PDB file of N, CA and C in Angstrom:
ATOM      1  N   MET A   1     189.255 130.023 153.612  1.00  0.00           N
ATOM      2  CA  MET A   1     188.898 131.066 152.672  1.00  0.00           C
ATOM      3  C   MET A   1     187.719 131.855 153.225  1.00  0.00           C
ATOM      4  N   ALA A   2     187.742 133.144 153.077  1.00  0.00           N
ATOM      5  CA  ALA A   2     186.669 134.005 153.555  1.00  0.00           C
ATOM      6  C   ALA A   2     185.398 133.750 152.753  1.00  0.00           C
ATOM      7  N   ALA A   3     184.263 133.863 153.429  1.00  0.00           N
ATOM      8  CA  ALA A   3     182.983 133.678 152.756  1.00  0.00           C
ATOM      9  C   ALA A   3     182.745 134.823 151.775  1.00  0.00           C
ATOM     10  N   ARG A   4     182.138 134.494 150.689  1.00  0.00           N
ATOM     11  CA  ARG A   4     181.787 135.477 149.671  1.00  0.00           C
ATOM     12  C   ARG A   4     180.296 135.376 149.432  1.00  0.00           C
ATOM     13  N   VAL A   5     179.780 136.335 148.769  1.00  0.00           N
ATOM     14  CA  VAL A   5     178.383 136.300 148.378  1.00  0.00           C
ATOM     15  C   VAL A   5     178.326 136.660 146.906  1.00  0.00           C
ATOM     16  N   GLY A   6     177.592 135.882 146.150  1.00  0.00           N
ATOM     17  CA  GLY A   6     177.468 136.183 144.738  1.00  0.00           C
ATOM     18  C   GLY A   6     176.475 135.261 144.076  1.00  0.00           C
ATOM     19  N   ALA A   7     176.159 135.576 142.839  1.00  0.00           N
ATOM     20  CA  ALA A   7     175.221 134.761 142.074  1.00  0.00           C
ATOM     21  C   ALA A   7     175.631 134.763 140.612  1.00  0.00           C
ATOM     22  N   ILE A   8     175.532 133.602 140.018  1.00  0.00           N
ATOM     23  CA  ILE A   8     175.806 133.415 138.594  1.00  0.00           C
ATOM     24  C   ILE A   8     174.580 132.751 137.994  1.00  0.00           C
ATOM     25  N   VAL A   9     174.132 133.227 136.845  1.00  0.00           N
ATOM     26  CA  VAL A   9     173.037 132.576 136.130  1.00  0.00           C
ATOM     27  C   VAL A   9     173.505 132.278 134.713  1.00  0.00           C
ATOM     28  N   ASN A  10     173.508 131.008 134.375  1.00  0.00           N
ATOM     29  CA  ASN A  10     173.843 130.575 133.021  1.00  0.00           C
ATOM     30  C   ASN A  10     172.557 130.375 132.234  1.00  0.00           C
ATOM     31  N   VAL A  11     172.598 130.668 130.947  1.00  0.00           N
ATOM     32  CA  VAL A  11     171.426 130.487 130.095  1.00  0.00           C
ATOM     33  C   VAL A  11     171.639 129.259 129.228  1.00  0.00           C
ATOM     34  N   SER A  12     170.776 128.292 129.418  1.00  0.00           N
ATOM     35  CA  SER A  12     170.805 127.054 128.657  1.00  0.00           C
ATOM     36  C   SER A  12     169.613 127.062 127.701  1.00  0.00           C
ATOM     37  N   SER A  13     169.012 125.916 127.488  1.00  0.00           N
ATOM     38  CA  SER A  13     167.865 125.813 126.597  1.00  0.00           C
ATOM     39  C   SER A  13     167.147 124.503 126.854  1.00  0.00           C
ATOM     40  N   ALA A  14     165.845 124.491 126.620  1.00  0.00           N
ATOM     41  CA  ALA A  14     165.103 123.233 126.693  1.00  0.00           C
ATOM     42  C   ALA A  14     165.663 122.234 125.691  1.00  0.00           C
ATOM     43  N   ALA A  15     166.308 122.721 124.650  1.00  0.00           N
ATOM     44  CA  ALA A  15     166.917 121.836 123.650  1.00  0.00           C
ATOM     45  C   ALA A  15     167.970 120.928 124.263  1.00  0.00           C
ATOM     46  N   SER A  16     168.565 121.335 125.375  1.00  0.00           N
ATOM     47  CA  SER A  16     169.587 120.505 126.015  1.00  0.00           C
ATOM     48  C   SER A  16     169.007 119.187 126.506  1.00  0.00           C
ATOM     49  N   ARG A  17     167.725 119.149 126.786  1.00  0.00           N
ATOM     50  CA  ARG A  17     167.052 117.929 127.240  1.00  0.00           C
ATOM     51  C   ARG A  17     166.297 117.225 126.117  1.00  0.00           C
ATOM     52  N   LEU A  18     165.877 117.977 125.112  1.00  0.00           N
ATOM     53  CA  LEU A  18     165.084 117.404 124.025  1.00  0.00           C
ATOM     54  C   LEU A  18     165.933 116.953 122.845  1.00  0.00           C
ATOM     55  N   GLY A  19     167.151 117.468 122.741  1.00  0.00           N
ATOM     56  CA  GLY A  19     168.065 117.061 121.686  1.00  0.00           C
ATOM     57  C   GLY A  19     167.939 117.799 120.369  1.00  0.00           C
ATOM     58  N   ALA A  20     166.810 118.418 120.101  1.00  0.00           N
ATOM     59  CA  ALA A  20     166.567 119.175 118.867  1.00  0.00           C
ATOM     60  C   ALA A  20     166.952 118.405 117.610  1.00  0.00           C
ATOM     61  N   PRO A  21     166.507 117.145 117.460  1.00  0.00           N
ATOM     62  CA  PRO A  21     166.899 116.357 116.293  1.00  0.00           C
ATOM     63  C   PRO A  21     166.426 116.985 114.986  1.00  0.00           C
ATOM     64  N   GLY A  22     167.289 116.957 114.005  1.00  0.00           N
ATOM     65  CA  GLY A  22     166.952 117.456 112.682  1.00  0.00           C
ATOM     66  C   GLY A  22     166.908 118.964 112.562  1.00  0.00           C
ATOM     67  N   GLU A  23     167.156 119.684 113.635  1.00  0.00           N
ATOM     68  CA  GLU A  23     167.099 121.141 113.566  1.00  0.00           C
ATOM     69  C   GLU A  23     168.329 121.801 114.175  1.00  0.00           C
ATOM     70  N   TYR A  24     168.533 121.596 115.462  1.00  0.00           N
ATOM     71  CA  TYR A  24     169.598 122.302 116.172  1.00  0.00           C
ATOM     72  C   TYR A  24     170.358 121.369 117.101  1.00  0.00           C
ATOM     73  N   VAL A  25     170.733 120.190 116.623  1.00  0.00           N
ATOM     74  CA  VAL A  25     171.384 119.226 117.514  1.00  0.00           C
ATOM     75  C   VAL A  25     172.719 119.757 118.043  1.00  0.00           C
ATOM     76  N   ASP A  26     173.438 120.519 117.238  1.00  0.00           N
ATOM     77  CA  ASP A  26     174.702 121.107 117.692  1.00  0.00           C
ATOM     78  C   ASP A  26     174.458 122.131 118.803  1.00  0.00           C
ATOM     79  N   TYR A  27     173.426 122.919 118.640  1.00  0.00           N
ATOM     80  CA  TYR A  27     173.031 123.894 119.658  1.00  0.00           C
ATOM     81  C   TYR A  27     172.624 123.177 120.942  1.00  0.00           C
ATOM     82  N   ALA A  28     171.838 122.116 120.806  1.00  0.00           N
ATOM     83  CA  ALA A  28     171.394 121.348 121.973  1.00  0.00           C
ATOM     84  C   ALA A  28     172.581 120.768 122.728  1.00  0.00           C
ATOM     85  N   ALA A  29     173.565 120.270 121.998  1.00  0.00           N
ATOM     86  CA  ALA A  29     174.754 119.699 122.645  1.00  0.00           C
ATOM     87  C   ALA A  29     175.514 120.766 123.425  1.00  0.00           C
ATOM     88  N   SER A  30     175.650 121.944 122.859  1.00  0.00           N
ATOM     89  CA  SER A  30     176.373 123.004 123.568  1.00  0.00           C
ATOM     90  C   SER A  30     175.615 123.445 124.816  1.00  0.00           C
ATOM     91  N   LYS A  31     174.298 123.447 124.752  1.00  0.00           N
ATOM     92  CA  LYS A  31     173.508 123.823 125.925  1.00  0.00           C
ATOM     93  C   LYS A  31     173.546 122.717 126.980  1.00  0.00           C
ATOM     94  N   GLY A  32     173.713 121.461 126.558  1.00  0.00           N
ATOM     95  CA  GLY A  32     173.927 120.383 127.521  1.00  0.00           C
ATOM     96  C   GLY A  32     175.204 120.610 128.310  1.00  0.00           C
ATOM     97  N   ALA A  33     176.217 121.126 127.639  1.00  0.00           N
ATOM     98  CA  ALA A  33     177.471 121.459 128.325  1.00  0.00           C
ATOM     99  C   ALA A  33     177.249 122.583 129.339  1.00  0.00           C
ATOM    100  N   VAL A  34     176.415 123.550 129.006  1.00  0.00           N
ATOM    101  CA  VAL A  34     176.097 124.633 129.942  1.00  0.00           C
ATOM    102  C   VAL A  34     175.402 124.065 131.182  1.00  0.00           C
ATOM    103  N   ASP A  35     174.502 123.100 130.989  1.00  0.00           N
ATOM    104  CA  ASP A  35     173.826 122.467 132.130  1.00  0.00           C
ATOM    105  C   ASP A  35     174.830 121.778 133.046  1.00  0.00           C
ATOM    106  N   THR A  36     175.782 121.062 132.454  1.00  0.00           N
ATOM    107  CA  THR A  36     176.802 120.370 133.244  1.00  0.00           C
ATOM    108  C   THR A  36     177.675 121.369 133.996  1.00  0.00           C
ATOM    109  N   LEU A  37     178.079 122.439 133.329  1.00  0.00           N
ATOM    110  CA  LEU A  37     178.855 123.493 133.978  1.00  0.00           C
ATOM    111  C   LEU A  37     178.086 124.084 135.159  1.00  0.00           C
ATOM    112  N   THR A  38     176.812 124.348 134.963  1.00  0.00           N
ATOM    113  CA  THR A  38     175.991 124.940 136.019  1.00  0.00           C
ATOM    114  C   THR A  38     175.936 124.038 137.245  1.00  0.00           C
ATOM    115  N   THR A  39     175.671 122.764 137.036  1.00  0.00           N
ATOM    116  CA  THR A  39     175.579 121.821 138.156  1.00  0.00           C
ATOM    117  C   THR A  39     176.913 121.687 138.878  1.00  0.00           C
ATOM    118  N   GLY A  40     177.963 121.472 138.124  1.00  0.00           N
ATOM    119  CA  GLY A  40     179.282 121.293 138.733  1.00  0.00           C
ATOM    120  C   GLY A  40     179.772 122.523 139.463  1.00  0.00           C
ATOM    121  N   LEU A  41     179.617 123.686 138.849  1.00  0.00           N
ATOM    122  CA  LEU A  41     180.078 124.917 139.471  1.00  0.00           C
ATOM    123  C   LEU A  41     179.253 125.246 140.717  1.00  0.00           C
ATOM    124  N   ALA A  42     177.948 124.972 140.672  1.00  0.00           N
ATOM    125  CA  ALA A  42     177.108 125.211 141.848  1.00  0.00           C
ATOM    126  C   ALA A  42     177.616 124.414 143.038  1.00  0.00           C
ATOM    127  N   LEU A  43     177.971 123.168 142.813  1.00  0.00           N
ATOM    128  CA  LEU A  43     178.499 122.329 143.891  1.00  0.00           C
ATOM    129  C   LEU A  43     179.878 122.800 144.347  1.00  0.00           C
ATOM    130  N   GLU A  44     180.657 123.292 143.413  1.00  0.00           N
ATOM    131  CA  GLU A  44     182.033 123.699 143.711  1.00  0.00           C
ATOM    132  C   GLU A  44     182.115 124.969 144.549  1.00  0.00           C
ATOM    133  N   VAL A  45     181.239 125.920 144.320  1.00  0.00           N
ATOM    134  CA  VAL A  45     181.388 127.228 144.974  1.00  0.00           C
ATOM    135  C   VAL A  45     180.307 127.548 146.010  1.00  0.00           C
ATOM    136  N   ALA A  46     179.388 126.627 146.254  1.00  0.00           N
ATOM    137  CA  ALA A  46     178.307 126.888 147.220  1.00  0.00           C
ATOM    138  C   ALA A  46     178.844 127.209 148.611  1.00  0.00           C
ATOM    139  N   ALA A  47     179.854 126.490 149.050  1.00  0.00           N
ATOM    140  CA  ALA A  47     180.408 126.714 150.391  1.00  0.00           C
ATOM    141  C   ALA A  47     181.034 128.104 150.528  1.00  0.00           C
ATOM    142  N   GLN A  48     181.324 128.745 149.420  1.00  0.00           N
ATOM    143  CA  GLN A  48     181.884 130.098 149.438  1.00  0.00           C
ATOM    144  C   GLN A  48     180.788 131.164 149.380  1.00  0.00           C
ATOM    145  N   GLY A  49     179.527 130.738 149.400  1.00  0.00           N
ATOM    146  CA  GLY A  49     178.418 131.689 149.366  1.00  0.00           C
ATOM    147  C   GLY A  49     178.042 132.150 147.977  1.00  0.00           C
ATOM    148  N   ILE A  50     178.504 131.442 146.975  1.00  0.00           N
ATOM    149  CA  ILE A  50     178.195 131.812 145.593  1.00  0.00           C
ATOM    150  C   ILE A  50     177.144 130.845 145.060  1.00  0.00           C
ATOM    151  N   ARG A  51     176.035 131.397 144.628  1.00  0.00           N
ATOM    152  CA  ARG A  51     174.955 130.591 144.057  1.00  0.00           C
ATOM    153  C   ARG A  51     175.116 130.538 142.547  1.00  0.00           C
ATOM    154  N   VAL A  52     174.899 129.370 141.975  1.00  0.00           N
ATOM    155  CA  VAL A  52     174.959 129.201 140.524  1.00  0.00           C
ATOM    156  C   VAL A  52     173.668 128.519 140.085  1.00  0.00           C
ATOM    157  N   ASN A  53     172.972 129.138 139.172  1.00  0.00           N
ATOM    158  CA  ASN A  53     171.722 128.595 138.651  1.00  0.00           C
ATOM    159  C   ASN A  53     171.712 128.677 137.133  1.00  0.00           C
ATOM    160  N   GLY A  54     170.799 127.947 136.554  1.00  0.00           N
ATOM    161  CA  GLY A  54     170.617 127.987 135.112  1.00  0.00           C
ATOM    162  C   GLY A  54     169.168 128.261 134.772  1.00  0.00           C
ATOM    163  N   VAL A  55     168.965 128.932 133.674  1.00  0.00           N
ATOM    164  CA  VAL A  55     167.641 129.151 133.118  1.00  0.00           C
ATOM    165  C   VAL A  55     167.609 128.377 131.811  1.00  0.00           C
ATOM    166  N   ARG A  56     166.569 127.577 131.627  1.00  0.00           N
ATOM    167  CA  ARG A  56     166.465 126.725 130.445  1.00  0.00           C
ATOM    168  C   ARG A  56     165.172 127.057 129.690  1.00  0.00           C
ATOM    169  N   PRO A  57     165.153 128.185 128.954  1.00  0.00           N
ATOM    170  CA  PRO A  57     163.934 128.567 128.248  1.00  0.00           C
ATOM    171  C   PRO A  57     163.608 127.602 127.110  1.00  0.00           C
ATOM    172  N   GLY A  58     162.348 127.620 126.748  1.00  0.00           N
ATOM    173  CA  GLY A  58     161.901 126.889 125.570  1.00  0.00           C
ATOM    174  C   GLY A  58     162.043 127.780 124.342  1.00  0.00           C
ATOM    175  N   LEU A  59     161.058 127.732 123.477  1.00  0.00           N
ATOM    176  CA  LEU A  59     161.106 128.537 122.255  1.00  0.00           C
ATOM    177  C   LEU A  59     160.852 130.006 122.573  1.00  0.00           C
ATOM    178  N   ILE A  60     161.794 130.826 122.178  1.00  0.00           N
ATOM    179  CA  ILE A  60     161.730 132.263 122.440  1.00  0.00           C
ATOM    180  C   ILE A  60     161.811 132.999 121.101  1.00  0.00           C
ATOM    181  N   TYR A  61     161.031 134.044 120.964  1.00  0.00           N
ATOM    182  CA  TYR A  61     161.074 134.865 119.753  1.00  0.00           C
ATOM    183  C   TYR A  61     162.376 135.666 119.733  1.00  0.00           C
ATOM    184  N   THR A  62     163.369 135.144 119.029  1.00  0.00           N
ATOM    185  CA  THR A  62     164.652 135.831 118.866  1.00  0.00           C
ATOM    186  C   THR A  62     165.096 135.720 117.418  1.00  0.00           C
ATOM    187  N   GLU A  63     166.153 136.421 117.096  1.00  0.00           N
ATOM    188  CA  GLU A  63     166.718 136.385 115.749  1.00  0.00           C
ATOM    189  C   GLU A  63     167.436 135.073 115.450  1.00  0.00           C
ATOM    190  N   MET A  64     167.667 134.241 116.474  1.00  0.00           N
ATOM    191  CA  MET A  64     168.367 132.980 116.248  1.00  0.00           C
ATOM    192  C   MET A  64     167.661 132.138 115.185  1.00  0.00           C
ATOM    193  N   HIS A  65     166.348 132.163 115.177  1.00  0.00           N
ATOM    194  CA  HIS A  65     165.597 131.347 114.229  1.00  0.00           C
ATOM    195  C   HIS A  65     165.772 131.870 112.800  1.00  0.00           C
ATOM    196  N   ALA A  66     165.787 133.182 112.654  1.00  0.00           N
ATOM    197  CA  ALA A  66     166.014 133.764 111.328  1.00  0.00           C
ATOM    198  C   ALA A  66     167.416 133.455 110.835  1.00  0.00           C
ATOM    199  N   SER A  67     168.397 133.560 111.718  1.00  0.00           N
ATOM    200  CA  SER A  67     169.773 133.275 111.300  1.00  0.00           C
ATOM    201  C   SER A  67     169.961 131.798 110.995  1.00  0.00           C
ATOM    202  N   GLY A  68     169.090 130.947 111.550  1.00  0.00           N
ATOM    203  CA  GLY A  68     169.122 129.518 111.247  1.00  0.00           C
ATOM    204  C   GLY A  68     168.322 129.172 110.001  1.00  0.00           C
ATOM    205  N   GLY A  69     167.744 130.181 109.348  1.00  0.00           N
ATOM    206  CA  GLY A  69     167.041 129.968 108.094  1.00  0.00           C
ATOM    207  C   GLY A  69     165.537 129.808 108.208  1.00  0.00           C
ATOM    208  N   GLU A  70     164.987 129.937 109.408  1.00  0.00           N
ATOM    209  CA  GLU A  70     163.545 129.781 109.570  1.00  0.00           C
ATOM    210  C   GLU A  70     162.998 130.825 110.544  1.00  0.00           C
ATOM    211  N   PRO A  71     162.782 132.049 110.054  1.00  0.00           N
ATOM    212  CA  PRO A  71     162.331 133.113 110.943  1.00  0.00           C
ATOM    213  C   PRO A  71     160.975 132.839 111.603  1.00  0.00           C
ATOM    214  N   GLY A  72     160.129 132.021 110.999  1.00  0.00           N
ATOM    215  CA  GLY A  72     158.813 131.725 111.562  1.00  0.00           C
ATOM    216  C   GLY A  72     158.756 130.446 112.379  1.00  0.00           C
ATOM    217  N   ARG A  73     159.894 129.947 112.810  1.00  0.00           N
ATOM    218  CA  ARG A  73     159.949 128.650 113.500  1.00  0.00           C
ATOM    219  C   ARG A  73     159.097 128.619 114.767  1.00  0.00           C
ATOM    220  N   VAL A  74     159.159 129.641 115.591  1.00  0.00           N
ATOM    221  CA  VAL A  74     158.390 129.634 116.840  1.00  0.00           C
ATOM    222  C   VAL A  74     156.900 129.499 116.532  1.00  0.00           C
ATOM    223  N   ASP A  75     156.409 130.266 115.574  1.00  0.00           N
ATOM    224  CA  ASP A  75     154.991 130.177 115.219  1.00  0.00           C
ATOM    225  C   ASP A  75     154.652 128.808 114.628  1.00  0.00           C
ATOM    226  N   ARG A  76     155.578 128.212 113.907  1.00  0.00           N
ATOM    227  CA  ARG A  76     155.336 126.896 113.312  1.00  0.00           C
ATOM    228  C   ARG A  76     155.159 125.817 114.373  1.00  0.00           C
ATOM    229  N   VAL A  77     155.938 125.854 115.429  1.00  0.00           N
ATOM    230  CA  VAL A  77     155.914 124.753 116.401  1.00  0.00           C
ATOM    231  C   VAL A  77     155.197 125.074 117.711  1.00  0.00           C
ATOM    232  N   LYS A  78     154.761 126.292 117.916  1.00  0.00           N
ATOM    233  CA  LYS A  78     154.176 126.643 119.212  1.00  0.00           C
ATOM    234  C   LYS A  78     152.928 125.828 119.542  1.00  0.00           C
ATOM    235  N   GLY A  79     152.234 125.330 118.546  1.00  0.00           N
ATOM    236  CA  GLY A  79     151.060 124.495 118.788  1.00  0.00           C
ATOM    237  C   GLY A  79     151.386 123.187 119.482  1.00  0.00           C
ATOM    238  N   SER A  80     152.634 122.762 119.415  1.00  0.00           N
ATOM    239  CA  SER A  80     153.038 121.519 120.082  1.00  0.00           C
ATOM    240  C   SER A  80     153.517 121.760 121.512  1.00  0.00           C
ATOM    241  N   LEU A  81     153.562 123.002 121.929  1.00  0.00           N
ATOM    242  CA  LEU A  81     154.020 123.345 123.277  1.00  0.00           C
ATOM    243  C   LEU A  81     152.858 123.293 124.271  1.00  0.00           C
ATOM    244  N   PRO A  82     153.127 122.930 125.512  1.00  0.00           N
ATOM    245  CA  PRO A  82     152.043 122.852 126.500  1.00  0.00           C
ATOM    246  C   PRO A  82     151.239 124.146 126.647  1.00  0.00           C
ATOM    247  N   MET A  83     151.914 125.290 126.612  1.00  0.00           N
ATOM    248  CA  MET A  83     151.203 126.564 126.768  1.00  0.00           C
ATOM    249  C   MET A  83     150.788 127.174 125.434  1.00  0.00           C
ATOM    250  N   GLN A  84     151.112 126.494 124.330  1.00  0.00           N
ATOM    251  CA  GLN A  84     150.701 126.934 122.988  1.00  0.00           C
ATOM    252  C   GLN A  84     151.211 128.320 122.620  1.00  0.00           C
ATOM    253  N   ARG A  85     152.398 128.682 123.137  1.00  0.00           N
ATOM    254  CA  ARG A  85     152.944 130.003 122.828  1.00  0.00           C
ATOM    255  C   ARG A  85     154.453 129.988 122.949  1.00  0.00           C
ATOM    256  N   GLY A  86     155.074 130.880 122.197  1.00  0.00           N
ATOM    257  CA  GLY A  86     156.499 131.119 122.359  1.00  0.00           C
ATOM    258  C   GLY A  86     156.707 132.185 123.420  1.00  0.00           C
ATOM    259  N   GLY A  87     157.914 132.258 123.934  1.00  0.00           N
ATOM    260  CA  GLY A  87     158.226 133.238 124.959  1.00  0.00           C
ATOM    261  C   GLY A  87     158.888 134.476 124.384  1.00  0.00           C
ATOM    262  N   GLN A  88     158.941 135.497 125.185  1.00  0.00           N
ATOM    263  CA  GLN A  88     159.604 136.742 124.817  1.00  0.00           C
ATOM    264  C   GLN A  88     160.918 136.854 125.590  1.00  0.00           C
ATOM    265  N   PRO A  89     161.936 137.468 124.999  1.00  0.00           N
ATOM    266  CA  PRO A  89     163.211 137.629 125.699  1.00  0.00           C
ATOM    267  C   PRO A  89     163.057 138.305 127.068  1.00  0.00           C
ATOM    268  N   GLU A  90     162.131 139.246 127.168  1.00  0.00           N
ATOM    269  CA  GLU A  90     161.923 139.949 128.433  1.00  0.00           C
ATOM    270  C   GLU A  90     161.460 138.998 129.544  1.00  0.00           C
ATOM    271  N   GLU A  91     160.717 137.968 129.179  1.00  0.00           N
ATOM    272  CA  GLU A  91     160.256 136.995 130.171  1.00  0.00           C
ATOM    273  C   GLU A  91     161.431 136.196 130.729  1.00  0.00           C
ATOM    274  N   VAL A  92     162.358 135.848 129.866  1.00  0.00           N
ATOM    275  CA  VAL A  92     163.562 135.137 130.307  1.00  0.00           C
ATOM    276  C   VAL A  92     164.406 136.063 131.179  1.00  0.00           C
ATOM    277  N   ALA A  93     164.519 137.314 130.772  1.00  0.00           N
ATOM    278  CA  ALA A  93     165.299 138.288 131.546  1.00  0.00           C
ATOM    279  C   ALA A  93     164.737 138.461 132.951  1.00  0.00           C
ATOM    280  N   GLN A  94     163.422 138.432 133.093  1.00  0.00           N
ATOM    281  CA  GLN A  94     162.813 138.557 134.424  1.00  0.00           C
ATOM    282  C   GLN A  94     163.194 137.376 135.316  1.00  0.00           C
ATOM    283  N   ALA A  95     163.221 136.180 134.752  1.00  0.00           N
ATOM    284  CA  ALA A  95     163.628 135.003 135.532  1.00  0.00           C
ATOM    285  C   ALA A  95     165.084 135.126 135.967  1.00  0.00           C
ATOM    286  N   ILE A  96     165.924 135.593 135.067  1.00  0.00           N
ATOM    287  CA  ILE A  96     167.344 135.773 135.391  1.00  0.00           C
ATOM    288  C   ILE A  96     167.510 136.823 136.485  1.00  0.00           C
ATOM    289  N   ALA A  97     166.806 137.936 136.347  1.00  0.00           N
ATOM    290  CA  ALA A  97     166.901 139.003 137.356  1.00  0.00           C
ATOM    291  C   ALA A  97     166.475 138.484 138.727  1.00  0.00           C
ATOM    292  N   TRP A  98     165.435 137.671 138.780  1.00  0.00           N
ATOM    293  CA  TRP A  98     164.988 137.125 140.061  1.00  0.00           C
ATOM    294  C   TRP A  98     166.057 136.206 140.648  1.00  0.00           C
ATOM    295  N   LEU A  99     166.648 135.344 139.825  1.00  0.00           N
ATOM    296  CA  LEU A  99     167.686 134.439 140.327  1.00  0.00           C
ATOM    297  C   LEU A  99     168.920 135.196 140.818  1.00  0.00           C
ATOM    298  N   LEU A 100     169.172 136.364 140.290  1.00  0.00           N
ATOM    299  CA  LEU A 100     170.300 137.178 140.739  1.00  0.00           C
ATOM    300  C   LEU A 100     169.963 138.007 141.978  1.00  0.00           C
ATOM    301  N   SER A 101     168.682 138.085 142.312  1.00  0.00           N
ATOM    302  CA  SER A 101     168.252 138.940 143.421  1.00  0.00           C
ATOM    303  C   SER A 101     168.352 138.227 144.766  1.00  0.00           C
ATOM    304  N   GLU A 102     168.201 139.014 145.817  1.00  0.00           N
ATOM    305  CA  GLU A 102     168.189 138.482 147.184  1.00  0.00           C
ATOM    306  C   GLU A 102     166.948 137.638 147.457  1.00  0.00           C
ATOM    307  N   GLN A 103     165.923 137.767 146.635  1.00  0.00           N
ATOM    308  CA  GLN A 103     164.700 136.987 146.826  1.00  0.00           C
ATOM    309  C   GLN A 103     164.913 135.499 146.567  1.00  0.00           C
ATOM    310  N   SER A 104     165.979 135.153 145.907  1.00  0.00           N
ATOM    311  CA  SER A 104     166.209 133.752 145.531  1.00  0.00           C
ATOM    312  C   SER A 104     167.392 133.138 146.274  1.00  0.00           C
ATOM    313  N   VAL A 105     167.695 133.640 147.452  1.00  0.00           N
ATOM    314  CA  VAL A 105     168.904 133.189 148.154  1.00  0.00           C
ATOM    315  C   VAL A 105     168.908 131.705 148.502  1.00  0.00           C
ATOM    316  N   VAL A 106     167.768 131.051 148.486  1.00  0.00           N
ATOM    317  CA  VAL A 106     167.750 129.614 148.779  1.00  0.00           C
ATOM    318  C   VAL A 106     167.828 128.758 147.515  1.00  0.00           C
ATOM    319  N   CYS A 107     167.930 129.383 146.358  1.00  0.00           N
ATOM    320  CA  CYS A 107     168.027 128.644 145.094  1.00  0.00           C
ATOM    321  C   CYS A 107     169.484 128.494 144.702  1.00  0.00           C
ATOM    322  N   ASP A 108     169.887 127.261 144.459  1.00  0.00           N
ATOM    323  CA  ASP A 108     171.263 126.996 144.039  1.00  0.00           C
ATOM    324  C   ASP A 108     171.291 125.705 143.248  1.00  0.00           C
ATOM    325  N   GLY A 109     171.928 125.757 142.092  1.00  0.00           N
ATOM    326  CA  GLY A 109     172.081 124.546 141.297  1.00  0.00           C
ATOM    327  C   GLY A 109     171.055 124.463 140.240  1.00  0.00           C
TER     328      GLY A 109
END
């Protein structure tokens, strides 16, 4: 098969590792599946020149919390986070853009 070049970035969540008990366990389980897909696909297509990576953000200020019934969730729990802050969607987008760029050609999996 001819070599190809490409990059895929899947978006997971820190919840995939923490389990999100009592809040978003179903969400955490689905993001665990994304992690497994990312690892397996990275191994499957690396020889074809296709890089596959995942981004696993923590608490991000999005509408997901409001739709889950707690619009102030990030502010409620940010004190328990190492950096004491929630993230912005733009910060996650910057990480994704970097992983898709030529600057990250040695990152895979």
